[in-house]
Protein backbone atom coordinates (compact mmCIF):
# COMPACT_ATOMS: atom_id res chain seq x y z
CA ASP A 1 7.25 -18.64 1.04
CA GLY A 2 7.90 -17.22 4.61
CA ASN A 3 10.69 -15.13 4.17
CA THR A 4 10.94 -11.60 4.11
CA ASN A 5 12.37 -11.06 0.75
CA LEU A 6 10.54 -6.98 -0.25
CA ARG A 7 10.82 -8.81 -3.99
CA PRO A 8 9.60 -12.42 -5.17
CA ASP A 9 12.66 -15.58 -5.48
CA ALA A 10 12.63 -16.92 -9.18
CA SER A 11 10.69 -19.69 -7.78
CA GLU A 12 8.09 -17.48 -6.92
CA PRO A 13 5.34 -16.63 -9.32
CA VAL A 14 4.81 -13.14 -10.26
CA ILE A 15 1.09 -13.13 -10.48
CA PHE A 16 0.81 -9.49 -12.10
CA SER A 17 3.10 -7.12 -13.48
CA HIS A 18 3.49 -4.17 -15.44
CA GLY A 19 5.77 -1.30 -17.01
CA PRO A 20 7.30 1.85 -15.10
CA VAL A 21 4.06 4.66 -14.85
CA THR A 22 3.68 7.47 -16.40
CA ASN A 23 6.24 10.40 -14.99
CA ARG A 24 3.16 12.85 -14.72
CA LEU A 25 1.49 10.10 -11.90
CA SER A 26 2.76 10.70 -8.34
CA ILE A 27 2.29 7.57 -5.98
CA THR A 28 3.76 8.52 -2.20
CA SER A 29 2.33 6.04 0.71
CA ASN A 30 2.35 6.82 4.43
CA PHE A 31 2.23 4.10 6.67
CA THR A 32 2.30 3.44 10.27
CA ASP A 33 6.10 1.36 9.56
CA ASP A 34 7.94 4.08 7.46
CA SER A 35 11.12 2.50 8.16
CA SER A 36 10.54 0.93 3.73
CA THR A 37 7.35 0.80 1.78
CA TYR A 38 5.81 -2.59 2.22
CA LEU A 39 2.30 -3.67 2.20
CA ALA A 40 1.60 -7.10 2.80
CA TYR A 41 -1.69 -9.31 4.46
CA ALA A 42 -1.24 -11.96 6.17
CA ALA A 43 -3.47 -15.25 6.37
CA THR A 44 -5.96 -13.88 8.58
CA GLY A 45 -6.45 -11.12 6.09
CA ARG A 46 -5.31 -8.09 8.33
CA THR A 47 -1.85 -6.04 7.23
CA ARG A 48 1.32 -6.87 8.63
CA THR A 49 4.25 -4.39 8.88
CA ASN A 50 7.63 -5.84 7.14
CA ARG A 51 9.36 -5.91 10.92
CA ASN A 52 6.49 -7.94 12.37
CA GLY A 53 4.65 -10.52 11.11
CA GLN A 54 2.05 -9.70 14.16
CA GLN A 55 1.71 -6.09 13.83
CA PRO A 56 -0.99 -4.62 11.47
CA GLN A 57 0.62 -1.90 9.11
CA ALA A 58 -2.43 1.07 8.38
CA GLY A 59 -1.43 4.04 6.25
CA THR A 60 -2.32 5.72 2.79
CA VAL A 61 -1.58 5.62 -0.90
CA THR A 62 -1.65 9.01 -2.21
CA LEU A 63 -2.06 9.10 -6.36
CA LYS A 64 -1.80 12.59 -8.14
CA LEU A 65 -2.17 13.30 -11.83
CA GLY A 66 -2.16 16.89 -12.41
CA LYS A 67 -4.77 18.52 -10.22
CA GLN A 68 -6.62 14.83 -9.72
CA VAL A 69 -6.42 13.08 -6.42
CA ARG A 70 -6.96 10.00 -5.05
CA LYS A 71 -6.04 8.30 -2.09
CA ILE A 72 -6.53 4.59 -0.67
CA LYS A 73 -6.86 4.65 2.86
CA ILE A 74 -6.12 1.23 4.80
CA ASN A 75 -7.13 0.71 8.24
CA PHE A 76 -5.76 -1.97 10.75
CA LEU A 77 -8.17 -4.69 9.69
CA GLY A 78 -6.41 -4.61 6.14
CA ARG A 79 -9.83 -2.67 4.77
CA ALA A 80 -9.43 -0.55 1.82
CA ARG A 81 -11.24 2.45 0.93
CA THR A 82 -10.89 4.50 -1.92
CA CYS A 83 -11.56 8.59 -1.25
CA ASN A 84 -11.65 12.03 -2.56
CA PRO A 85 -9.89 14.40 -0.56
CA SER A 86 -11.35 17.59 -2.43
CA GLU A 87 -15.10 16.25 -2.20
CA GLU A 88 -14.47 14.44 1.47
CA PRO A 89 -11.27 16.70 3.34
CA GLN A 90 -12.47 15.78 6.53
CA THR A 91 -11.92 11.82 6.42
CA CYS A 92 -9.96 11.83 3.60
């Protein structure tokens, strides 16, 4: 709706929701704009920061469960890919 709220307003539909993840799962992120944990896509299909709708957001979301680690890498164009750092240490 054009506002900058990080949570949906009461009038906005929630497409998907889930309960808390298991406490054994660690989820961290590292993005270019680290002022708040925020990832959104603009109408162009590119990512954007919370501060500026024209500024692209890029970075990594890391999921760890025990010794298993997976990363979701998001580039400045908004394209996401997953990788396993134990199998791809140079590019993950």
